[in-house]
Amino acid sequence: MDQRGMVLLAGNSHPALAAQIASHLGITVGDSLVYYNGSKEIQVEIQESVRGKDVYIIQTGAKDVNNAIMELLIMAYACKTSSCKNIIGVVPYLPYCQQTKMKRRGNISLKLVADLCCKAGFSHIITLDLHSKESQAFFSCRMDNLRASPFFLQYIIDNVPDYNNSVIVAKNPIAARRATSYADRLRLGIAVIHGEMKQEEIDQDGRASPPPSSPAPPDISRRLYSLGAMLPPQAAKEKPPIYVVGEVSGKTAIIVDDIMDDVQSFVDAAKVLKEAGANKVFIMATHGILSGQNDIRLLDNSQIDEVVLTNSVPPDSGPTCNKFKTVDISILLAEAIRRIHNKESMSHLFKNVTMED
């Protein structure tokens, strides 16, 4: 690849992935310095000329997600003020990508992150397996949402013993479309886990407070005091205990998902699958966030046989688990950079990939 007219930079979140991408492209990572001063403010120094060049910044949402996103924004702004031509962000795991729905008295945080990225100077974002595909519309710049599913499919064919006797499992009904996409290409059946593990109810903070039942005092207008019953009586939403829909007995169960963060839900799913007769349980997820302090211990003591993750997020420097296997997706990101720089079509990277992946 001809490096003329482009510069490849990397933040502090995943230098190993940046080195792998540069190696695939046959170039070197540009000279830049991202550090924290005495007051913990982030400072950036771009130590080579970027004037008139396309700058590719590699940064992923690691454990320290807020510092990762601020490093990314400040690096982009530093390149913008240094008169570069275009700024392309290579962000395998996009921070805040799970926060795409409005919750009570909350906000949609990813929309704010998208506005910040565009304001900082990004003209293009490359990411991998967004939690919600529709959230691409939050970004006013160009965006490519790559998929890791071809790598997982090849891993299943090459490394799962007798994979023809396997079943693709959706951890919840929402993930059924993803599981169906995998199953169709592997010619396998699917199963869906429904329900939830019962937990203690959490006291509400007044969001659903009923109107007062006592009559209004005679000197206060009844209309201002209470309108009475406003809604017809309805049963509260309640999920059944967790169970499996589909046949998994005597088969290898492969749970596919985009993010592995809440480890307990995967552990519960594996327990239910083993109780239903599954021989082995594999977990395949693109982004291994594993933010809990006891996640490694939970996985070690669980009935999960193997956890397959990509290297979109750097491995934890703490205790390791022998059940982890890694799928390298650096060549996919490198090819995306090469095609964008050479103004080639990106359609080949989405060959046989569906929107449900």
Protein backbone atom coordinates (compact mmCIF):
# COMPACT_ATOMS: atom_id res chain seq x y z
CA MET A 1 0.00 0.00 0.00
CA ASP A 2 1.28 3.48 -0.90
CA GLN A 3 1.39 5.54 2.29
CA ARG A 4 1.69 8.84 0.47
CA GLY A 5 -1.13 11.18 1.36
CA MET A 6 -2.09 9.33 4.55
CA VAL A 7 -1.03 9.04 8.18
CA LEU A 8 -1.99 6.24 10.57
CA LEU A 9 -2.17 7.30 14.23
CA ALA A 10 -3.10 5.39 17.38
CA GLY A 11 -4.34 6.32 20.83
CA ASN A 12 -3.48 4.55 24.05
CA SER A 13 -6.45 2.17 24.15
CA HIS A 14 -5.18 -0.68 21.94
CA PRO A 15 -1.62 -0.20 20.57
CA ALA A 16 -1.30 -3.91 19.74
CA LEU A 17 -4.26 -3.75 17.34
CA ALA A 18 -2.82 -0.62 15.70
CA ALA A 19 0.50 -2.40 15.15
CA GLN A 20 -1.28 -5.39 13.57
CA ILE A 21 -3.27 -3.16 11.22
CA ALA A 22 -0.12 -1.29 10.19
CA SER A 23 1.66 -4.60 9.58
CA HIS A 24 -1.13 -5.79 7.25
CA LEU A 25 -0.92 -2.52 5.32
CA GLY A 26 2.86 -2.62 5.12
CA ILE A 27 3.22 0.82 6.73
CA THR A 28 4.21 2.22 10.11
CA VAL A 29 2.16 3.87 12.81
CA GLY A 30 2.72 7.64 12.75
CA ASP A 31 4.48 9.52 15.52
CA SER A 32 2.12 10.99 18.07
CA LEU A 33 2.10 11.43 21.82
CA VAL A 34 -1.01 11.18 23.99
CA TYR A 35 -0.38 11.73 27.69
CA TYR A 36 -1.90 13.06 30.91
CA ASN A 37 -0.52 16.09 32.69
CA GLY A 38 -0.40 16.61 36.45
CA SER A 39 -4.08 17.60 36.63
CA LYS A 40 -5.10 14.47 34.64
CA GLU A 41 -5.94 16.51 31.53
CA ILE A 42 -5.26 14.81 28.20
CA GLN A 43 -2.64 16.41 25.99
CA VAL A 44 -1.83 15.42 22.40
CA GLU A 45 1.22 16.11 20.28
CA ILE A 46 1.19 15.10 16.59
CA GLN A 47 4.90 14.69 15.91
CA GLU A 48 4.81 14.61 12.11
CA SER A 49 3.18 16.67 9.40
CA VAL A 50 -0.46 15.89 8.57
CA ARG A 51 -1.12 18.95 6.37
CA GLY A 52 -3.25 17.99 3.38
CA LYS A 53 -3.25 14.27 4.32
CA ASP A 54 -5.92 11.72 5.23
CA VAL A 55 -5.47 10.82 8.90
CA TYR A 56 -6.68 7.45 10.25
CA ILE A 57 -6.95 7.36 14.05
CA ILE A 58 -7.19 3.91 15.67
CA GLN A 59 -8.88 3.93 19.07
CA THR A 60 -11.31 1.56 20.73
CA GLY A 61 -13.61 1.75 23.74
CA ALA A 62 -11.55 -0.09 26.32
CA LYS A 63 -12.04 -0.44 30.07
CA ASP A 64 -11.33 3.26 30.64
CA VAL A 65 -14.03 4.23 28.17
CA ASN A 66 -14.33 7.93 29.02
CA ASN A 67 -10.60 8.58 28.66
CA ALA A 68 -10.65 6.57 25.42
CA ILE A 69 -13.35 8.74 23.86
CA MET A 70 -11.68 11.96 25.04
CA GLU A 71 -8.32 10.85 23.60
CA LEU A 72 -10.06 10.15 20.29
CA LEU A 73 -11.76 13.56 20.19
CA ILE A 74 -8.67 15.54 21.17
CA MET A 75 -6.49 13.67 18.64
CA ALA A 76 -9.01 14.43 15.90
CA TYR A 77 -9.20 18.09 16.86
CA ALA A 78 -5.39 18.32 16.92
CA CYS A 79 -5.25 16.95 13.37
CA LYS A 80 -8.08 19.26 12.25
CA THR A 81 -6.27 22.34 13.54
CA SER A 82 -3.09 21.10 11.81
CA SER A 83 -4.82 21.42 8.41
CA CYS A 84 -5.21 17.76 7.52
CA LYS A 85 -7.47 16.84 4.60
CA ASN A 86 -9.76 14.19 6.14
CA ILE A 87 -9.98 12.47 9.51
CA ILE A 88 -11.19 8.86 9.58
CA GLY A 89 -11.81 7.22 12.94
CA VAL A 90 -11.18 3.47 13.19
CA VAL A 91 -13.15 2.59 16.32
CA PRO A 92 -13.77 -1.20 16.55
CA TYR A 93 -15.84 -0.88 19.72
CA LEU A 94 -17.69 2.42 19.66
CA PRO A 95 -18.07 3.84 23.19
CA TYR A 96 -21.65 4.30 24.41
CA CYS A 97 -23.02 2.23 21.50
CA GLN A 98 -25.32 0.38 23.92
CA GLN A 99 -27.00 3.61 25.04
CA THR A 100 -29.34 4.07 22.10
CA LYS A 101 -32.75 4.06 23.78
CA MET A 102 -34.46 6.57 26.01
CA LYS A 103 -34.92 5.41 29.59
CA ARG A 104 -36.82 7.01 32.42
CA ARG A 105 -35.52 10.52 33.07
CA GLY A 106 -32.50 9.70 30.92
CA ASN A 107 -31.10 10.47 27.52
CA ILE A 108 -29.66 8.83 24.40
CA SER A 109 -25.96 9.19 25.13
CA LEU A 110 -24.72 7.85 21.78
CA LYS A 111 -26.30 10.84 20.01
CA LEU A 112 -24.14 13.15 22.11
CA VAL A 113 -21.02 11.08 21.32
CA ALA A 114 -21.90 11.20 17.61
CA ASP A 115 -22.23 14.99 17.69
CA LEU A 116 -18.92 15.30 19.52
CA CYS A 117 -17.14 13.13 16.93
CA CYS A 118 -18.45 15.17 14.03
CA LYS A 119 -17.69 18.45 15.78
CA ALA A 120 -14.12 17.30 16.51
CA GLY A 121 -13.54 16.89 12.78
CA PHE A 122 -14.27 13.29 11.81
CA SER A 123 -15.48 12.92 8.23
CA HIS A 124 -15.74 9.11 8.37
CA ILE A 125 -16.08 6.47 11.10
CA ILE A 126 -15.21 2.77 10.73
CA THR A 127 -16.62 0.55 13.47
CA LEU A 128 -17.45 -3.10 14.07
CA ASP A 129 -20.80 -4.68 15.02
CA LEU A 130 -22.73 -1.74 16.39
CA HIS A 131 -25.14 -2.79 19.11
CA SER A 132 -27.99 -1.16 17.19
CA LYS A 133 -27.61 -0.82 13.43
CA GLU A 134 -30.10 2.07 13.31
CA SER A 135 -27.83 4.19 15.50
CA GLN A 136 -25.67 4.93 12.44
CA ALA A 137 -28.22 7.65 11.73
CA PHE A 138 -26.97 9.57 14.79
CA PHE A 139 -23.78 10.42 12.88
CA SER A 140 -23.83 13.20 10.32
CA CYS A 141 -20.53 11.93 8.85
CA ARG A 142 -20.02 8.84 6.70
CA MET A 143 -19.98 5.55 8.58
CA ASP A 144 -19.10 1.92 7.82
CA ASN A 145 -20.34 -0.71 10.27
CA LEU A 146 -18.25 -3.81 9.55
CA ARG A 147 -19.26 -7.32 10.66
CA ALA A 148 -17.28 -10.01 12.47
CA SER A 149 -19.72 -12.82 11.61
CA PRO A 150 -17.64 -14.27 8.70
CA PHE A 151 -14.74 -14.82 11.11
CA PHE A 152 -17.00 -16.55 13.65
CA LEU A 153 -18.56 -18.74 10.99
CA GLN A 154 -15.12 -19.86 9.83
CA TYR A 155 -14.09 -20.49 13.44
CA ILE A 156 -17.12 -22.74 13.94
CA ILE A 157 -16.31 -24.73 10.80
CA ASP A 158 -12.63 -25.10 11.69
CA ASN A 159 -12.67 -25.49 15.47
CA VAL A 160 -16.02 -26.81 16.72
CA PRO A 161 -15.91 -30.64 16.71
CA ASP A 162 -18.72 -32.09 14.59
CA TYR A 163 -20.23 -28.64 14.11
CA ASN A 164 -23.01 -30.17 12.00
CA ASN A 165 -24.45 -31.47 15.27
CA SER A 166 -24.65 -27.96 16.71
CA VAL A 167 -27.46 -25.51 17.33
CA ILE A 168 -27.21 -21.70 17.25
CA VAL A 169 -28.70 -20.15 20.38
CA ALA A 170 -30.13 -16.68 20.93
CA LYS A 171 -29.62 -15.55 24.53
CA ASN A 172 -32.95 -13.70 24.39
CA PRO A 173 -35.75 -13.25 21.84
CA ILE A 174 -34.25 -9.95 20.67
CA ALA A 175 -31.13 -11.80 19.45
CA ALA A 176 -33.16 -14.37 17.50
CA ARG A 177 -32.61 -12.61 14.17
CA ARG A 178 -28.83 -12.72 14.62
CA ALA A 179 -28.99 -16.42 15.53
CA THR A 180 -31.15 -17.14 12.49
CA SER A 181 -28.63 -15.41 10.22
CA TYR A 182 -25.81 -17.60 11.54
CA ALA A 183 -27.91 -20.77 11.43
CA ASP A 184 -29.02 -20.22 7.83
CA ARG A 185 -25.46 -19.94 6.55
CA LEU A 186 -24.27 -22.96 8.54
CA ARG A 187 -27.41 -25.02 7.73
CA LEU A 188 -28.12 -25.51 11.44
CA GLY A 189 -31.14 -25.20 13.68
CA ILE A 190 -31.72 -22.48 16.25
CA ALA A 191 -32.93 -22.27 19.85
CA VAL A 192 -34.05 -19.26 21.87
CA ILE A 193 -33.73 -18.70 25.60
CA HIS A 194 -36.78 -16.97 27.03
CA GLY A 195 -37.61 -15.65 30.48
CA GLU A 196 -35.29 -14.44 33.19
CA MET A 197 -33.77 -15.46 36.49
CA LYS A 198 -35.99 -14.18 39.28
CA GLN A 199 -34.49 -11.38 41.34
CA GLU A 200 -35.65 -9.33 44.27
CA GLU A 201 -37.84 -6.42 43.34
CA ILE A 202 -36.29 -2.96 43.57
CA ASP A 203 -38.24 -0.23 45.30
CA GLN A 204 -39.52 2.41 42.90
CA ASP A 205 -38.64 6.07 43.46
CA GLY A 206 -42.09 7.47 42.83
CA ARG A 207 -42.19 7.15 39.04
CA ALA A 208 -45.47 5.22 39.22
CA SER A 209 -46.98 6.92 42.23
CA PRO A 210 -50.79 6.48 42.25
CA PRO A 211 -53.03 9.49 42.81
CA PRO A 212 -54.02 10.11 46.45
CA SER A 213 -57.03 8.09 47.49
CA SER A 214 -58.23 10.38 50.25
CA PRO A 215 -60.93 12.95 49.41
CA ALA A 216 -59.92 16.53 48.81
CA PRO A 217 -60.30 18.99 51.69
CA PRO A 218 -63.42 21.15 51.33
CA ASP A 219 -61.43 24.35 50.75
CA ILE A 220 -59.29 22.92 47.90
CA SER A 221 -60.53 22.30 44.41
CA ARG A 222 -60.94 18.56 43.78
CA ARG A 223 -59.70 19.07 40.23
CA LEU A 224 -56.33 20.35 41.50
CA TYR A 225 -56.06 17.68 44.18
CA SER A 226 -56.70 14.49 42.20
CA LEU A 227 -58.42 13.36 39.02
CA GLY A 228 -59.03 9.87 40.36
CA ALA A 229 -58.37 6.69 38.42
CA MET A 230 -56.70 7.71 35.12
CA LEU A 231 -55.83 4.33 33.58
CA PRO A 232 -57.73 1.05 33.37
CA PRO A 233 -56.36 -1.71 35.61
CA GLN A 234 -53.71 -3.84 33.88
CA ALA A 235 -51.50 -6.71 34.95
CA ALA A 236 -47.84 -5.83 35.42
CA LYS A 237 -45.37 -7.17 32.87
CA GLU A 238 -43.73 -10.32 34.18
CA LYS A 239 -41.40 -12.68 32.34
CA PRO A 240 -41.60 -16.42 33.01
CA PRO A 241 -38.69 -18.31 34.57
CA ILE A 242 -35.84 -18.87 32.12
CA TYR A 243 -36.24 -21.83 29.75
CA VAL A 244 -35.17 -23.00 26.27
CA VAL A 245 -37.36 -22.90 23.17
CA GLY A 246 -35.97 -25.45 20.70
CA GLU A 247 -34.11 -28.76 20.74
CA VAL A 248 -30.59 -28.72 22.21
CA SER A 249 -30.37 -32.20 23.72
CA GLY A 250 -27.23 -34.06 22.62
CA LYS A 251 -25.94 -31.05 20.64
CA THR A 252 -23.30 -28.36 20.92
CA ALA A 253 -25.00 -25.07 21.81
CA ILE A 254 -23.38 -21.95 20.33
CA ILE A 255 -24.61 -18.65 21.79
CA VAL A 256 -23.92 -15.70 19.46
CA ASP A 257 -24.04 -12.07 20.54
CA ASP A 258 -22.40 -8.72 19.78
CA ILE A 259 -21.26 -7.72 23.29
CA MET A 260 -20.25 -9.80 26.28
CA ASP A 261 -20.57 -7.49 29.26
CA ASP A 262 -23.14 -8.96 31.65
CA VAL A 263 -21.38 -12.28 32.24
CA GLN A 264 -24.02 -13.52 34.67
CA SER A 265 -26.66 -13.68 31.92
CA PHE A 266 -24.36 -15.92 29.82
CA VAL A 267 -23.64 -18.12 32.83
CA ASP A 268 -27.37 -18.51 33.52
CA ALA A 269 -28.00 -19.33 29.86
CA ALA A 270 -25.27 -22.00 29.84
CA LYS A 271 -26.74 -23.60 32.98
CA VAL A 272 -30.19 -23.82 31.39
CA LEU A 273 -28.74 -25.26 28.17
CA LYS A 274 -26.79 -27.94 30.03
CA GLU A 275 -29.91 -28.83 32.03
CA ALA A 276 -31.76 -29.18 28.72
CA GLY A 277 -29.19 -31.76 27.57
CA ALA A 278 -26.61 -29.75 25.60
CA ASN A 279 -23.22 -31.49 25.36
CA LYS A 280 -21.14 -28.32 25.21
CA VAL A 281 -21.81 -24.58 25.37
CA PHE A 282 -19.78 -22.12 23.29
CA ILE A 283 -20.09 -18.32 23.58
CA MET A 284 -19.21 -16.14 20.59
CA ALA A 285 -19.27 -12.37 21.00
CA THR A 286 -17.58 -9.59 19.06
CA HIS A 287 -16.69 -7.28 21.94
CA GLY A 288 -15.50 -8.81 25.21
CA ILE A 289 -16.06 -5.89 27.60
CA LEU A 290 -16.19 -8.01 30.80
CA SER A 291 -16.52 -4.98 33.05
CA GLY A 292 -17.39 -6.86 36.25
CA GLN A 293 -14.72 -7.52 38.87
CA ASN A 294 -15.76 -11.17 39.27
CA ASP A 295 -16.32 -11.98 35.59
CA ILE A 296 -13.28 -14.25 35.23
CA ARG A 297 -14.20 -16.20 38.36
CA LEU A 298 -17.79 -16.56 37.15
CA LEU A 299 -16.62 -17.93 33.81
CA ASP A 300 -14.15 -20.33 35.42
CA ASN A 301 -16.86 -21.77 37.68
CA SER A 302 -19.57 -21.83 35.01
CA GLN A 303 -20.71 -24.60 32.67
CA ILE A 304 -19.46 -22.65 29.63
CA ASP A 305 -16.89 -24.70 27.73
CA GLU A 306 -15.36 -21.99 25.52
CA VAL A 307 -15.61 -18.22 25.02
CA VAL A 308 -14.62 -16.87 21.60
CA LEU A 309 -14.04 -13.11 21.35
CA THR A 310 -12.43 -10.83 18.79
CA ASN A 311 -9.49 -8.56 19.58
CA SER A 312 -11.60 -5.41 19.11
CA VAL A 313 -10.99 -4.70 22.81
CA PRO A 314 -7.61 -5.33 24.48
CA PRO A 315 -7.45 -8.33 26.82
CA ASP A 316 -7.71 -7.63 30.52
CA SER A 317 -4.34 -7.41 32.24
CA GLY A 318 -5.76 -9.14 35.32
CA PRO A 319 -6.43 -12.86 35.89
CA THR A 320 -6.90 -14.92 32.75
CA CYS A 321 -9.28 -17.73 31.91
CA ASN A 322 -8.32 -20.84 29.95
CA LYS A 323 -11.72 -20.82 28.26
CA PHE A 324 -10.91 -17.72 26.18
CA LYS A 325 -10.12 -17.96 22.47
CA THR A 326 -9.41 -14.93 20.27
CA VAL A 327 -10.38 -14.24 16.66
CA ASP A 328 -8.17 -11.67 14.94
CA ILE A 329 -10.15 -9.02 13.01
CA SER A 330 -7.22 -6.67 12.32
CA ILE A 331 -7.07 -7.71 8.66
CA LEU A 332 -10.71 -6.66 8.20
CA LEU A 333 -10.00 -3.17 9.56
CA ALA A 334 -6.81 -2.95 7.50
CA GLU A 335 -8.66 -3.86 4.31
CA ALA A 336 -11.31 -1.24 5.07
CA ILE A 337 -8.58 1.40 5.44
CA ARG A 338 -6.91 0.28 2.20
CA ARG A 339 -10.16 0.43 0.23
CA ILE A 340 -11.11 3.85 1.58
CA HIS A 341 -7.65 5.27 0.86
CA ASN A 342 -7.63 3.84 -2.68
CA LYS A 343 -11.26 4.92 -3.25
CA GLU A 344 -12.43 1.35 -3.85
CA SER A 345 -15.84 -0.15 -3.17
CA MET A 346 -16.50 -1.51 0.33
CA SER A 347 -19.15 -3.99 -0.86
CA HIS A 348 -16.75 -6.96 -0.84
CA LEU A 349 -16.41 -6.64 2.95
CA PHE A 350 -20.16 -7.17 3.27
CA LYS A 351 -20.36 -10.20 0.97
CA ASN A 352 -22.89 -12.75 2.32
CA VAL A 353 -23.47 -10.53 5.36
CA THR A 354 -27.01 -9.70 6.36
CA MET A 355 -28.46 -6.78 8.30
CA GLU A 356 -29.31 -9.19 11.15
CA ASP A 357 -25.63 -9.94 11.89
